């Protein structure tokens, strides 16, 4: 019997991420994008995960990086590096259903995960 794959806090996976076109607000859809799981084992059994999406660009307003809303994701803090420099977009944290996950691609170190959660908590 095939067991469904389970995911854990600190996993980085490729998943469907909803988007809305900035120029054409009626155009919406999904992109496949890496996300970081932040939820713990209490929530995960219900097939929902709290996630932070990973982008190649930081949050920029009026030409200035808004560090309070994002964090760089250093390749040395991942079990397998991503293809390009990436940013955690803390202002876009969302809930992801297990059916939207494509595959696990990496895992964040415990020490850097702690920093992510500390920074995220400043936005709550």
PDB file of N, CA and C in Angstrom:
ATOM      1  N   UNK A   1       0.840  -1.189   0.000  1.00  0.00           N
ATOM      2  CA  UNK A   1       0.000   0.000   0.000  1.00  0.00           C
ATOM      3  C   UNK A   1       0.880   1.246   0.000  1.00  0.00           C
ATOM      4  N   UNK A   2       0.555   2.224  -0.838  1.00  0.00           N
ATOM      5  CA  UNK A   2       1.313   3.462  -0.951  1.00  0.00           C
ATOM      6  C   UNK A   2       0.895   4.432   0.147  1.00  0.00           C
ATOM      7  N   UNK A   3       1.867   4.877   0.948  1.00  0.00           N
ATOM      8  CA  UNK A   3       1.587   5.857   1.992  1.00  0.00           C
ATOM      9  C   UNK A   3       1.716   7.264   1.442  1.00  0.00           C
ATOM     10  N   UNK A   4       0.776   8.161   1.753  1.00  0.00           N
ATOM     11  CA  UNK A   4       0.905   9.531   1.285  1.00  0.00           C
ATOM     12  C   UNK A   4       2.137  10.198   1.909  1.00  0.00           C
ATOM     13  N   UNK A   5       2.793  11.038   1.148  1.00  0.00           N
ATOM     14  CA  UNK A   5       3.981  11.729   1.620  1.00  0.00           C
ATOM     15  C   UNK A   5       3.588  12.747   2.681  1.00  0.00           C
ATOM     16  N   UNK A   6       4.360  12.799   3.748  1.00  0.00           N
ATOM     17  CA  UNK A   6       4.087  13.792   4.780  1.00  0.00           C
ATOM     18  C   UNK A   6       5.183  14.853   4.751  1.00  0.00           C
ATOM     19  N   UNK A   7       4.834  16.024   5.195  1.00  0.00           N
ATOM     20  CA  UNK A   7       5.755  17.150   5.196  1.00  0.00           C
ATOM     21  C   UNK A   7       5.848  17.683   6.608  1.00  0.00           C
ATOM     22  N   UNK A   8       6.968  18.342   6.886  1.00  0.00           N
ATOM     23  CA  UNK A   8       7.219  18.818   8.240  1.00  0.00           C
ATOM     24  C   UNK A   8       7.606  20.289   8.243  1.00  0.00           C
ATOM     25  N   UNK A   9       7.506  20.868   9.430  1.00  0.00           N
ATOM     26  CA  UNK A   9       7.965  22.225   9.648  1.00  0.00           C
ATOM     27  C   UNK A   9       9.409  22.345   9.156  1.00  0.00           C
ATOM     28  N   UNK A  10       9.725  23.440   8.452  1.00  0.00           N
ATOM     29  CA  UNK A  10      11.043  23.758   7.879  1.00  0.00           C
ATOM     30  C   UNK A  10      11.254  23.170   6.490  1.00  0.00           C
ATOM     31  N   UNK A  11      10.315  22.338   5.994  1.00  0.00           N
ATOM     32  CA  UNK A  11      10.449  21.827   4.624  1.00  0.00           C
ATOM     33  C   UNK A  11      10.212  22.955   3.627  1.00  0.00           C
ATOM     34  N   UNK A  12      10.943  22.908   2.520  1.00  0.00           N
ATOM     35  CA  UNK A  12      10.713  23.797   1.389  1.00  0.00           C
ATOM     36  C   UNK A  12      10.185  22.918   0.261  1.00  0.00           C
ATOM     37  N   UNK A  13       9.002  23.278  -0.244  1.00  0.00           N
ATOM     38  CA  UNK A  13       8.361  22.480  -1.286  1.00  0.00           C
ATOM     39  C   UNK A  13       7.973  23.374  -2.459  1.00  0.00           C
ATOM     40  N   UNK A  14       7.757  22.744  -3.608  1.00  0.00           N
ATOM     41  CA  UNK A  14       7.163  23.445  -4.737  1.00  0.00           C
ATOM     42  C   UNK A  14       5.656  23.256  -4.633  1.00  0.00           C
ATOM     43  N   UNK A  15       4.910  24.351  -4.741  1.00  0.00           N
ATOM     44  CA  UNK A  15       3.465  24.284  -4.569  1.00  0.00           C
ATOM     45  C   UNK A  15       2.771  25.343  -5.422  1.00  0.00           C
ATOM     46  N   UNK A  16       1.473  25.141  -5.620  1.00  0.00           N
ATOM     47  CA  UNK A  16       0.667  26.150  -6.310  1.00  0.00           C
ATOM     48  C   UNK A  16       0.546  27.372  -5.410  1.00  0.00           C
ATOM     49  N   UNK A  17       0.782  28.543  -5.998  1.00  0.00           N
ATOM     50  CA  UNK A  17       0.655  29.787  -5.247  1.00  0.00           C
ATOM     51  C   UNK A  17      -0.275  30.706  -6.028  1.00  0.00           C
ATOM     52  N   UNK A  18      -1.357  31.181  -5.407  1.00  0.00           N
ATOM     53  CA  UNK A  18      -2.298  32.040  -6.128  1.00  0.00           C
ATOM     54  C   UNK A  18      -1.682  33.399  -6.439  1.00  0.00           C
ATOM     55  N   UNK A  19      -2.039  33.960  -7.587  1.00  0.00           N
ATOM     56  CA  UNK A  19      -1.565  35.298  -7.929  1.00  0.00           C
ATOM     57  C   UNK A  19      -2.652  36.054  -8.663  1.00  0.00           C
ATOM     58  N   UNK A  20      -2.487  37.371  -8.681  1.00  0.00           N
ATOM     59  CA  UNK A  20      -3.366  38.246  -9.457  1.00  0.00           C
ATOM     60  C   UNK A  20      -2.479  39.177 -10.259  1.00  0.00           C
ATOM     61  N   UNK A  21      -2.720  39.260 -11.547  1.00  0.00           N
ATOM     62  CA  UNK A  21      -1.947  40.120 -12.436  1.00  0.00           C
ATOM     63  C   UNK A  21      -2.163  41.579 -12.028  1.00  0.00           C
ATOM     64  N   UNK A  22      -1.067  42.311 -11.793  1.00  0.00           N
ATOM     65  CA  UNK A  22      -1.157  43.700 -11.362  1.00  0.00           C
ATOM     66  C   UNK A  22      -1.786  44.601 -12.430  1.00  0.00           C
ATOM     67  N   UNK A  23      -1.556  44.300 -13.702  1.00  0.00           N
ATOM     68  CA  UNK A  23      -2.084  45.129 -14.787  1.00  0.00           C
ATOM     69  C   UNK A  23      -3.530  44.767 -15.123  1.00  0.00           C
ATOM     70  N   UNK A  24      -3.835  43.488 -15.079  1.00  0.00           N
ATOM     71  CA  UNK A  24      -5.180  43.022 -15.417  1.00  0.00           C
ATOM     72  C   UNK A  24      -5.737  42.294 -14.195  1.00  0.00           C
ATOM     73  N   UNK A  25      -6.445  43.023 -13.336  1.00  0.00           N
ATOM     74  CA  UNK A  25      -6.931  42.475 -12.064  1.00  0.00           C
ATOM     75  C   UNK A  25      -7.858  41.281 -12.238  1.00  0.00           C
ATOM     76  N   UNK A  26      -8.445  41.136 -13.419  1.00  0.00           N
ATOM     77  CA  UNK A  26      -9.331  40.004 -13.660  1.00  0.00           C
ATOM     78  C   UNK A  26      -8.555  38.725 -13.944  1.00  0.00           C
ATOM     79  N   UNK A  27      -7.286  38.862 -14.293  1.00  0.00           N
ATOM     80  CA  UNK A  27      -6.467  37.691 -14.598  1.00  0.00           C
ATOM     81  C   UNK A  27      -5.864  37.146 -13.302  1.00  0.00           C
ATOM     82  N   UNK A  28      -6.340  35.985 -12.902  1.00  0.00           N
ATOM     83  CA  UNK A  28      -5.823  35.344 -11.704  1.00  0.00           C
ATOM     84  C   UNK A  28      -5.466  33.905 -12.052  1.00  0.00           C
ATOM     85  N   UNK A  29      -4.719  33.279 -11.192  1.00  0.00           N
ATOM     86  CA  UNK A  29      -4.349  31.898 -11.429  1.00  0.00           C
ATOM     87  C   UNK A  29      -3.369  31.422 -10.379  1.00  0.00           C
ATOM     88  N   UNK A  30      -2.556  30.463 -10.773  1.00  0.00           N
ATOM     89  CA  UNK A  30      -1.567  29.886  -9.875  1.00  0.00           C
ATOM     90  C   UNK A  30      -0.217  29.842 -10.567  1.00  0.00           C
ATOM     91  N   UNK A  31       0.818  30.001  -9.767  1.00  0.00           N
ATOM     92  CA  UNK A  31       2.187  29.778 -10.216  1.00  0.00           C
ATOM     93  C   UNK A  31       2.748  28.672  -9.332  1.00  0.00           C
ATOM     94  N   UNK A  32       3.663  27.898  -9.881  1.00  0.00           N
ATOM     95  CA  UNK A  32       4.371  26.926  -9.051  1.00  0.00           C
ATOM     96  C   UNK A  32       5.569  27.661  -8.460  1.00  0.00           C
ATOM     97  N   UNK A  33       5.633  27.684  -7.155  1.00  0.00           N
ATOM     98  CA  UNK A  33       6.641  28.483  -6.465  1.00  0.00           C
ATOM     99  C   UNK A  33       7.091  27.743  -5.215  1.00  0.00           C
ATOM    100  N   UNK A  34       8.334  27.951  -4.796  1.00  0.00           N
ATOM    101  CA  UNK A  34       8.760  27.344  -3.533  1.00  0.00           C
ATOM    102  C   UNK A  34       8.119  28.056  -2.344  1.00  0.00           C
ATOM    103  N   UNK A  35       7.792  27.273  -1.335  1.00  0.00           N
ATOM    104  CA  UNK A  35       7.251  27.817  -0.093  1.00  0.00           C
ATOM    105  C   UNK A  35       7.913  27.106   1.082  1.00  0.00           C
ATOM    106  N   UNK A  36       7.955  27.795   2.213  1.00  0.00           N
ATOM    107  CA  UNK A  36       8.502  27.244   3.447  1.00  0.00           C
ATOM    108  C   UNK A  36       7.360  26.897   4.384  1.00  0.00           C
ATOM    109  N   UNK A  37       7.319  25.653   4.880  1.00  0.00           N
ATOM    110  CA  UNK A  37       6.315  25.244   5.867  1.00  0.00           C
ATOM    111  C   UNK A  37       6.705  25.797   7.219  1.00  0.00           C
ATOM    112  N   UNK A  38       5.763  26.496   7.854  1.00  0.00           N
ATOM    113  CA  UNK A  38       6.028  27.006   9.199  1.00  0.00           C
ATOM    114  C   UNK A  38       5.140  26.354  10.246  1.00  0.00           C
ATOM    115  N   UNK A  39       4.078  25.671   9.829  1.00  0.00           N
ATOM    116  CA  UNK A  39       3.185  25.036  10.806  1.00  0.00           C
ATOM    117  C   UNK A  39       3.860  23.809  11.415  1.00  0.00           C
ATOM    118  N   UNK A  40       3.386  23.467  12.614  1.00  0.00           N
ATOM    119  CA  UNK A  40       3.975  22.314  13.310  1.00  0.00           C
ATOM    120  C   UNK A  40       3.093  21.080  13.140  1.00  0.00           C
ATOM    121  N   UNK A  41       3.441  20.014  13.799  1.00  0.00           N
ATOM    122  CA  UNK A  41       2.740  18.746  13.666  1.00  0.00           C
ATOM    123  C   UNK A  41       1.292  18.760  14.112  1.00  0.00           C
ATOM    124  N   UNK A  42       0.873  19.753  14.895  1.00  0.00           N
ATOM    125  CA  UNK A  42      -0.525  19.810  15.349  1.00  0.00           C
ATOM    126  C   UNK A  42      -1.469  20.138  14.204  1.00  0.00           C
ATOM    127  N   UNK A  43      -1.060  21.017  13.323  1.00  0.00           N
ATOM    128  CA  UNK A  43      -1.918  21.424  12.212  1.00  0.00           C
ATOM    129  C   UNK A  43      -1.752  20.516  10.996  1.00  0.00           C
ATOM    130  N   UNK A  44      -0.574  20.016  10.758  1.00  0.00           N
ATOM    131  CA  UNK A  44      -0.291  19.253   9.548  1.00  0.00           C
ATOM    132  C   UNK A  44      -1.176  18.031   9.311  1.00  0.00           C
ATOM    133  N   UNK A  45      -1.611  17.278  10.342  1.00  0.00           N
ATOM    134  CA  UNK A  45      -2.471  16.114  10.065  1.00  0.00           C
ATOM    135  C   UNK A  45      -3.808  16.446   9.404  1.00  0.00           C
ATOM    136  N   UNK A  46      -4.248  17.704   9.456  1.00  0.00           N
ATOM    137  CA  UNK A  46      -5.512  18.061   8.810  1.00  0.00           C
ATOM    138  C   UNK A  46      -5.292  18.435   7.343  1.00  0.00           C
ATOM    139  N   UNK A  47      -4.108  18.149   6.838  1.00  0.00           N
ATOM    140  CA  UNK A  47      -3.758  18.345   5.423  1.00  0.00           C
ATOM    141  C   UNK A  47      -3.657  19.808   5.025  1.00  0.00           C
ATOM    142  N   UNK A  48      -3.476  20.677   6.004  1.00  0.00           N
ATOM    143  CA  UNK A  48      -3.272  22.104   5.755  1.00  0.00           C
ATOM    144  C   UNK A  48      -1.934  22.496   6.381  1.00  0.00           C
ATOM    145  N   UNK A  49      -1.227  23.369   5.686  1.00  0.00           N
ATOM    146  CA  UNK A  49       0.068  23.827   6.156  1.00  0.00           C
ATOM    147  C   UNK A  49       0.110  25.344   6.105  1.00  0.00           C
ATOM    148  N   UNK A  50       0.671  25.967   7.134  1.00  0.00           N
ATOM    149  CA  UNK A  50       0.936  27.396   7.078  1.00  0.00           C
ATOM    150  C   UNK A  50       2.276  27.572   6.386  1.00  0.00           C
ATOM    151  N   UNK A  51       2.319  28.470   5.410  1.00  0.00           N
ATOM    152  CA  UNK A  51       3.501  28.603   4.559  1.00  0.00           C
ATOM    153  C   UNK A  51       3.896  30.058   4.352  1.00  0.00           C
ATOM    154  N   UNK A  52       5.177  30.233   4.071  1.00  0.00           N
ATOM    155  CA  UNK A  52       5.691  31.514   3.631  1.00  0.00           C
ATOM    156  C   UNK A  52       6.206  31.305   2.211  1.00  0.00           C
ATOM    157  N   UNK A  53       5.690  32.074   1.245  1.00  0.00           N
ATOM    158  CA  UNK A  53       6.171  31.916  -0.125  1.00  0.00           C
ATOM    159  C   UNK A  53       7.592  32.469  -0.286  1.00  0.00           C
ATOM    160  N   UNK A  54       8.288  31.904  -1.247  1.00  0.00           N
ATOM    161  CA  UNK A  54       9.668  32.289  -1.536  1.00  0.00           C
ATOM    162  C   UNK A  54       9.699  32.924  -2.919  1.00  0.00           C
ATOM    163  N   UNK A  55      10.224  34.136  -2.993  1.00  0.00           N
ATOM    164  CA  UNK A  55      10.302  34.896  -4.235  1.00  0.00           C
ATOM    165  C   UNK A  55      11.756  35.200  -4.577  1.00  0.00           C
ATOM    166  N   UNK A  56      12.005  35.558  -5.821  1.00  0.00           N
ATOM    167  CA  UNK A  56      13.366  35.964  -6.211  1.00  0.00           C
ATOM    168  C   UNK A  56      13.609  37.441  -5.941  1.00  0.00           C
ATOM    169  N   UNK A  57      12.546  38.178  -5.589  1.00  0.00           N
ATOM    170  CA  UNK A  57      12.691  39.602  -5.291  1.00  0.00           C
ATOM    171  C   UNK A  57      12.161  39.899  -3.901  1.00  0.00           C
ATOM    172  N   UNK A  58      12.781  40.854  -3.202  1.00  0.00           N
ATOM    173  CA  UNK A  58      12.258  41.277  -1.896  1.00  0.00           C
ATOM    174  C   UNK A  58      11.042  42.177  -2.083  1.00  0.00           C
ATOM    175  N   UNK A  59      10.442  42.575  -0.967  1.00  0.00           N
ATOM    176  CA  UNK A  59       9.356  43.553  -1.000  1.00  0.00           C
ATOM    177  C   UNK A  59      10.004  44.921  -1.203  1.00  0.00           C
ATOM    178  N   UNK A  60       9.620  45.612  -2.280  1.00  0.00           N
ATOM    179  CA  UNK A  60      10.185  46.931  -2.583  1.00  0.00           C
ATOM    180  C   UNK A  60       9.047  47.934  -2.711  1.00  0.00           C
ATOM    181  N   UNK A  61       9.143  49.025  -1.960  1.00  0.00           N
ATOM    182  CA  UNK A  61       8.177  50.115  -2.035  1.00  0.00           C
ATOM    183  C   UNK A  61       8.961  51.399  -2.276  1.00  0.00           C
ATOM    184  N   UNK A  62       8.591  52.120  -3.319  1.00  0.00           N
ATOM    185  CA  UNK A  62       9.280  53.361  -3.695  1.00  0.00           C
ATOM    186  C   UNK A  62      10.788  53.159  -3.829  1.00  0.00           C
ATOM    187  N   UNK A  63      11.173  52.014  -4.395  1.00  0.00           N
ATOM    188  CA  UNK A  63      12.579  51.737  -4.651  1.00  0.00           C
ATOM    189  C   UNK A  63      13.391  51.312  -3.448  1.00  0.00           C
ATOM    190  N   UNK A  64      12.737  51.100  -2.314  1.00  0.00           N
ATOM    191  CA  UNK A  64      13.450  50.740  -1.082  1.00  0.00           C
ATOM    192  C   UNK A  64      12.998  49.356  -0.627  1.00  0.00           C
ATOM    193  N   UNK A  65      13.976  48.472  -0.346  1.00  0.00           N
ATOM    194  CA  UNK A  65      13.645  47.145   0.183  1.00  0.00           C
ATOM    195  C   UNK A  65      13.022  47.297   1.565  1.00  0.00           C
ATOM    196  N   UNK A  66      11.876  46.689   1.749  1.00  0.00           N
ATOM    197  CA  UNK A  66      11.147  46.751   3.014  1.00  0.00           C
ATOM    198  C   UNK A  66      11.517  45.536   3.870  1.00  0.00           C
ATOM    199  N   UNK A  67      12.618  45.661   4.597  1.00  0.00           N
ATOM    200  CA  UNK A  67      13.152  44.536   5.361  1.00  0.00           C
ATOM    201  C   UNK A  67      12.212  44.001   6.429  1.00  0.00           C
ATOM    202  N   UNK A  68      11.253  44.809   6.877  1.00  0.00           N
ATOM    203  CA  UNK A  68      10.345  44.303   7.904  1.00  0.00           C
ATOM    204  C   UNK A  68       9.360  43.284   7.341  1.00  0.00           C
ATOM    205  N   UNK A  69       9.212  43.224   6.010  1.00  0.00           N
ATOM    206  CA  UNK A  69       8.277  42.297   5.379  1.00  0.00           C
ATOM    207  C   UNK A  69       8.946  41.105   4.704  1.00  0.00           C
ATOM    208  N   UNK A  70      10.262  41.053   4.673  1.00  0.00           N
ATOM    209  CA  UNK A  70      10.934  39.962   3.962  1.00  0.00           C
ATOM    210  C   UNK A  70      12.281  39.639   4.603  1.00  0.00           C
ATOM    211  N   UNK A  71      12.796  38.468   4.256  1.00  0.00           N
ATOM    212  CA  UNK A  71      14.116  38.024   4.721  1.00  0.00           C
ATOM    213  C   UNK A  71      14.812  37.316   3.578  1.00  0.00           C
ATOM    214  N   UNK A  72      16.095  37.569   3.439  1.00  0.00           N
ATOM    215  CA  UNK A  72      16.855  36.834   2.445  1.00  0.00           C
ATOM    216  C   UNK A  72      16.929  35.378   2.904  1.00  0.00           C
ATOM    217  N   UNK A  73      16.973  34.463   1.954  1.00  0.00           N
ATOM    218  CA  UNK A  73      17.057  33.036   2.260  1.00  0.00           C
ATOM    219  C   UNK A  73      18.442  32.550   1.822  1.00  0.00           C
ATOM    220  N   UNK A  74      19.420  32.582   2.731  1.00  0.00           N
ATOM    221  CA  UNK A  74      20.792  32.204   2.353  1.00  0.00           C
ATOM    222  C   UNK A  74      20.886  30.734   1.934  1.00  0.00           C
ATOM    223  N   UNK A  75      21.593  30.473   0.834  1.00  0.00           N
ATOM    224  CA  UNK A  75      21.712  29.097   0.338  1.00  0.00           C
ATOM    225  C   UNK A  75      22.373  28.190   1.365  1.00  0.00           C
ATOM    226  N   UNK A  76      23.255  28.717   2.192  1.00  0.00           N
ATOM    227  CA  UNK A  76      23.924  27.922   3.218  1.00  0.00           C
ATOM    228  C   UNK A  76      23.002  27.474   4.337  1.00  0.00           C
ATOM    229  N   UNK A  77      21.791  28.012   4.378  1.00  0.00           N
ATOM    230  CA  UNK A  77      20.827  27.644   5.413  1.00  0.00           C
ATOM    231  C   UNK A  77      19.835  26.584   4.930  1.00  0.00           C
ATOM    232  N   UNK A  78      20.068  26.070   3.729  1.00  0.00           N
ATOM    233  CA  UNK A  78      19.187  25.058   3.141  1.00  0.00           C
ATOM    234  C   UNK A  78      19.930  23.750   2.924  1.00  0.00           C
ATOM    235  N   UNK A  79      19.220  22.632   3.035  1.00  0.00           N
ATOM    236  CA  UNK A  79      19.856  21.331   2.794  1.00  0.00           C
ATOM    237  C   UNK A  79      20.263  21.190   1.327  1.00  0.00           C
ATOM    238  N   UNK A  80      19.484  21.795   0.430  1.00  0.00           N
ATOM    239  CA  UNK A  80      19.815  21.878  -1.007  1.00  0.00           C
ATOM    240  C   UNK A  80      19.534  23.307  -1.449  1.00  0.00           C
ATOM    241  N   UNK A  81      20.514  23.988  -2.028  1.00  0.00           N
ATOM    242  CA  UNK A  81      20.299  25.390  -2.404  1.00  0.00           C
ATOM    243  C   UNK A  81      19.276  25.530  -3.528  1.00  0.00           C
ATOM    244  N   UNK A  82      18.602  26.668  -3.534  1.00  0.00           N
ATOM    245  CA  UNK A  82      17.689  27.007  -4.627  1.00  0.00           C
ATOM    246  C   UNK A  82      18.525  27.534  -5.796  1.00  0.00           C
ATOM    247  N   UNK A  83      17.917  27.644  -6.971  1.00  0.00           N
ATOM    248  CA  UNK A  83      18.652  28.030  -8.183  1.00  0.00           C
ATOM    249  C   UNK A  83      19.135  29.471  -8.175  1.00  0.00           C
ATOM    250  N   UNK A  84      18.475  30.327  -7.433  1.00  0.00           N
ATOM    251  CA  UNK A  84      18.822  31.741  -7.426  1.00  0.00           C
ATOM    252  C   UNK A  84      18.629  32.317  -6.030  1.00  0.00           C
ATOM    253  N   UNK A  85      19.246  33.477  -5.786  1.00  0.00           N
ATOM    254  CA  UNK A  85      19.039  34.135  -4.501  1.00  0.00           C
ATOM    255  C   UNK A  85      17.545  34.342  -4.297  1.00  0.00           C
ATOM    256  N   UNK A  86      17.081  34.062  -3.095  1.00  0.00           N
ATOM    257  CA  UNK A  86      15.643  34.099  -2.846  1.00  0.00           C
ATOM    258  C   UNK A  86      15.328  34.823  -1.553  1.00  0.00           C
ATOM    259  N   UNK A  87      14.059  35.220  -1.451  1.00  0.00           N
ATOM    260  CA  UNK A  87      13.560  35.973  -0.303  1.00  0.00           C
ATOM    261  C   UNK A  87      12.290  35.326   0.237  1.00  0.00           C
ATOM    262  N   UNK A  88      12.196  35.262   1.554  1.00  0.00           N
ATOM    263  CA  UNK A  88      10.959  34.850   2.211  1.00  0.00           C
ATOM    264  C   UNK A  88      10.073  36.084   2.309  1.00  0.00           C
ATOM    265  N   UNK A  89       8.859  36.002   1.799  1.00  0.00           N
ATOM    266  CA  UNK A  89       7.937  37.145   1.817  1.00  0.00           C
ATOM    267  C   UNK A  89       6.970  36.967   2.984  1.00  0.00           C
ATOM    268  N   UNK A  90       7.371  37.455   4.151  1.00  0.00           N
ATOM    269  CA  UNK A  90       6.607  37.278   5.383  1.00  0.00           C
ATOM    270  C   UNK A  90       5.216  37.899   5.306  1.00  0.00           C
ATOM    271  N   UNK A  91       5.043  38.913   4.492  1.00  0.00           N
ATOM    272  CA  UNK A  91       3.753  39.582   4.367  1.00  0.00           C
ATOM    273  C   UNK A  91       2.752  38.792   3.522  1.00  0.00           C
ATOM    274  N   UNK A  92       3.156  37.654   2.978  1.00  0.00           N
ATOM    275  CA  UNK A  92       2.260  36.851   2.140  1.00  0.00           C
ATOM    276  C   UNK A  92       2.032  35.449   2.720  1.00  0.00           C
ATOM    277  N   UNK A  93       2.210  35.292   4.016  1.00  0.00           N
ATOM    278  CA  UNK A  93       1.982  34.009   4.677  1.00  0.00           C
ATOM    279  C   UNK A  93       0.551  33.548   4.409  1.00  0.00           C
ATOM    280  N   UNK A  94       0.398  32.247   4.124  1.00  0.00           N
ATOM    281  CA  UNK A  94      -0.933  31.730   3.780  1.00  0.00           C
ATOM    282  C   UNK A  94      -1.053  30.253   4.131  1.00  0.00           C
ATOM    283  N   UNK A  95      -2.275  29.728   3.992  1.00  0.00           N
ATOM    284  CA  UNK A  95      -2.563  28.323   4.254  1.00  0.00           C
ATOM    285  C   UNK A  95      -2.559  27.559   2.937  1.00  0.00           C
ATOM    286  N   UNK A  96      -1.922  26.404   2.936  1.00  0.00           N
ATOM    287  CA  UNK A  96      -1.771  25.592   1.729  1.00  0.00           C
ATOM    288  C   UNK A  96      -2.352  24.202   1.983  1.00  0.00           C
ATOM    289  N   UNK A  97      -3.161  23.724   1.069  1.00  0.00           N
ATOM    290  CA  UNK A  97      -3.707  22.377   1.161  1.00  0.00           C
ATOM    291  C   UNK A  97      -2.688  21.386   0.605  1.00  0.00           C
ATOM    292  N   UNK A  98      -2.621  20.229   1.196  1.00  0.00           N
ATOM    293  CA  UNK A  98      -1.654  19.211   0.774  1.00  0.00           C
ATOM    294  C   UNK A  98      -1.791  18.859  -0.709  1.00  0.00           C
ATOM    295  N   UNK A  99      -2.990  18.956  -1.256  1.00  0.00           N
ATOM    296  CA  UNK A  99      -3.208  18.613  -2.664  1.00  0.00           C
ATOM    297  C   UNK A  99      -2.512  19.578  -3.621  1.00  0.00           C
ATOM    298  N   UNK A 100      -2.094  20.750  -3.130  1.00  0.00           N
ATOM    299  CA  UNK A 100      -1.436  21.756  -3.967  1.00  0.00           C
ATOM    300  C   UNK A 100       0.087  21.626  -3.987  1.00  0.00           C
ATOM    301  N   UNK A 101       0.607  20.627  -3.290  1.00  0.00           N
ATOM    302  CA  UNK A 101       2.053  20.435  -3.190  1.00  0.00           C
ATOM    303  C   UNK A 101       2.541  19.527  -4.310  1.00  0.00           C
ATOM    304  N   UNK A 102       3.622  19.939  -4.958  1.00  0.00           N
ATOM    305  CA  UNK A 102       4.207  19.122  -6.016  1.00  0.00           C
ATOM    306  C   UNK A 102       5.303  18.211  -5.473  1.00  0.00           C
ATOM    307  N   UNK A 103       6.292  18.798  -4.780  1.00  0.00           N
ATOM    308  CA  UNK A 103       7.347  17.959  -4.201  1.00  0.00           C
ATOM    309  C   UNK A 103       8.218  18.775  -3.249  1.00  0.00           C
ATOM    310  N   UNK A 104       8.864  18.059  -2.349  1.00  0.00           N
ATOM    311  CA  UNK A 104       9.824  18.674  -1.433  1.00  0.00           C
ATOM    312  C   UNK A 104      11.124  18.906  -2.193  1.00  0.00           C
ATOM    313  N   UNK A 105      11.726  20.094  -1.982  1.00  0.00           N
ATOM    314  CA  UNK A 105      12.982  20.387  -2.665  1.00  0.00           C
ATOM    315  C   UNK A 105      14.136  20.713  -1.724  1.00  0.00           C
ATOM    316  N   UNK A 106      13.837  21.029  -0.464  1.00  0.00           N
ATOM    317  CA  UNK A 106      14.911  21.363   0.461  1.00  0.00           C
ATOM    318  C   UNK A 106      14.370  21.402   1.885  1.00  0.00           C
ATOM    319  N   UNK A 107      15.240  21.775   2.816  1.00  0.00           N
ATOM    320  CA  UNK A 107      14.853  21.904   4.222  1.00  0.00           C
ATOM    321  C   UNK A 107      15.708  23.002   4.845  1.00  0.00           C
ATOM    322  N   UNK A 108      15.077  23.874   5.625  1.00  0.00           N
ATOM    323  CA  UNK A 108      15.755  24.995   6.268  1.00  0.00           C
ATOM    324  C   UNK A 108      16.403  24.535   7.572  1.00  0.00           C
ATOM    325  N   UNK A 109      17.541  25.114   7.910  1.00  0.00           N
ATOM    326  CA  UNK A 109      18.215  24.768   9.167  1.00  0.00           C
ATOM    327  C   UNK A 109      17.379  25.240  10.361  1.00  0.00           C
ATOM    328  N   UNK A 110      17.487  24.541  11.498  1.00  0.00           N
ATOM    329  CA  UNK A 110      16.725  24.948  12.688  1.00  0.00           C
ATOM    330  C   UNK A 110      17.070  26.364  13.162  1.00  0.00           C
ATOM    331  N   UNK A 111      18.343  26.737  13.115  1.00  0.00           N
ATOM    332  CA  UNK A 111      18.746  28.057  13.602  1.00  0.00           C
ATOM    333  C   UNK A 111      18.154  29.184  12.764  1.00  0.00           C
ATOM    334  N   UNK A 112      18.169  29.032  11.448  1.00  0.00           N
ATOM    335  CA  UNK A 112      17.614  30.091  10.602  1.00  0.00           C
ATOM    336  C   UNK A 112      16.088  30.103  10.697  1.00  0.00           C
ATOM    337  N   UNK A 113      15.485  28.929  10.860  1.00  0.00           N
ATOM    338  CA  UNK A 113      14.029  28.864  11.031  1.00  0.00           C
ATOM    339  C   UNK A 113      13.610  29.657  12.267  1.00  0.00           C
ATOM    340  N   UNK A 114      14.372  29.548  13.326  1.00  0.00           N
ATOM    341  CA  UNK A 114      14.074  30.290  14.550  1.00  0.00           C
ATOM    342  C   UNK A 114      14.083  31.798  14.268  1.00  0.00           C
ATOM    343  N   UNK A 115      15.040  32.264  13.483  1.00  0.00           N
ATOM    344  CA  UNK A 115      15.094  33.686  13.120  1.00  0.00           C
ATOM    345  C   UNK A 115      13.875  34.102  12.291  1.00  0.00           C
ATOM    346  N   UNK A 116      13.453  33.217  11.381  1.00  0.00           N
ATOM    347  CA  UNK A 116      12.281  33.495  10.560  1.00  0.00           C
ATOM    348  C   UNK A 116      11.053  33.673  11.445  1.00  0.00           C
ATOM    349  N   UNK A 117      10.839  32.763  12.370  1.00  0.00           N
ATOM    350  CA  UNK A 117       9.672  32.825  13.255  1.00  0.00           C
ATOM    351  C   UNK A 117       9.729  34.059  14.144  1.00  0.00           C
ATOM    352  N   UNK A 118      10.913  34.405  14.633  1.00  0.00           N
ATOM    353  CA  UNK A 118      11.053  35.616  15.457  1.00  0.00           C
ATOM    354  C   UNK A 118      10.657  36.848  14.655  1.00  0.00           C
ATOM    355  N   UNK A 119      11.124  36.915  13.420  1.00  0.00           N
ATOM    356  CA  UNK A 119      10.806  38.084  12.586  1.00  0.00           C
ATOM    357  C   UNK A 119       9.318  38.095  12.220  1.00  0.00           C
ATOM    358  N   UNK A 120       8.773  36.935  11.880  1.00  0.00           N
ATOM    359  CA  UNK A 120       7.354  36.845  11.555  1.00  0.00           C
ATOM    360  C   UNK A 120       6.503  37.309  12.729  1.00  0.00           C
ATOM    361  N   UNK A 121       6.893  36.952  13.934  1.00  0.00           N
ATOM    362  CA  UNK A 121       6.102  37.323  15.122  1.00  0.00           C
ATOM    363  C   UNK A 121       6.047  38.838  15.304  1.00  0.00           C
ATOM    364  N   UNK A 122       6.994  39.583  14.771  1.00  0.00           N
ATOM    365  CA  UNK A 122       6.936  41.059  14.883  1.00  0.00           C
ATOM    366  C   UNK A 122       5.827  41.633  14.007  1.00  0.00           C
ATOM    367  N   UNK A 123       5.302  40.848  13.068  1.00  0.00           N
ATOM    368  CA  UNK A 123       4.232  41.306  12.187  1.00  0.00           C
ATOM    369  C   UNK A 123       2.847  40.903  12.697  1.00  0.00           C
ATOM    370  N   UNK A 124       2.804  40.130  13.781  1.00  0.00           N
ATOM    371  CA  UNK A 124       1.524  39.644  14.301  1.00  0.00           C
ATOM    372  C   UNK A 124       0.982  40.534  15.408  1.00  0.00           C
TER     373      UNK A 124
END
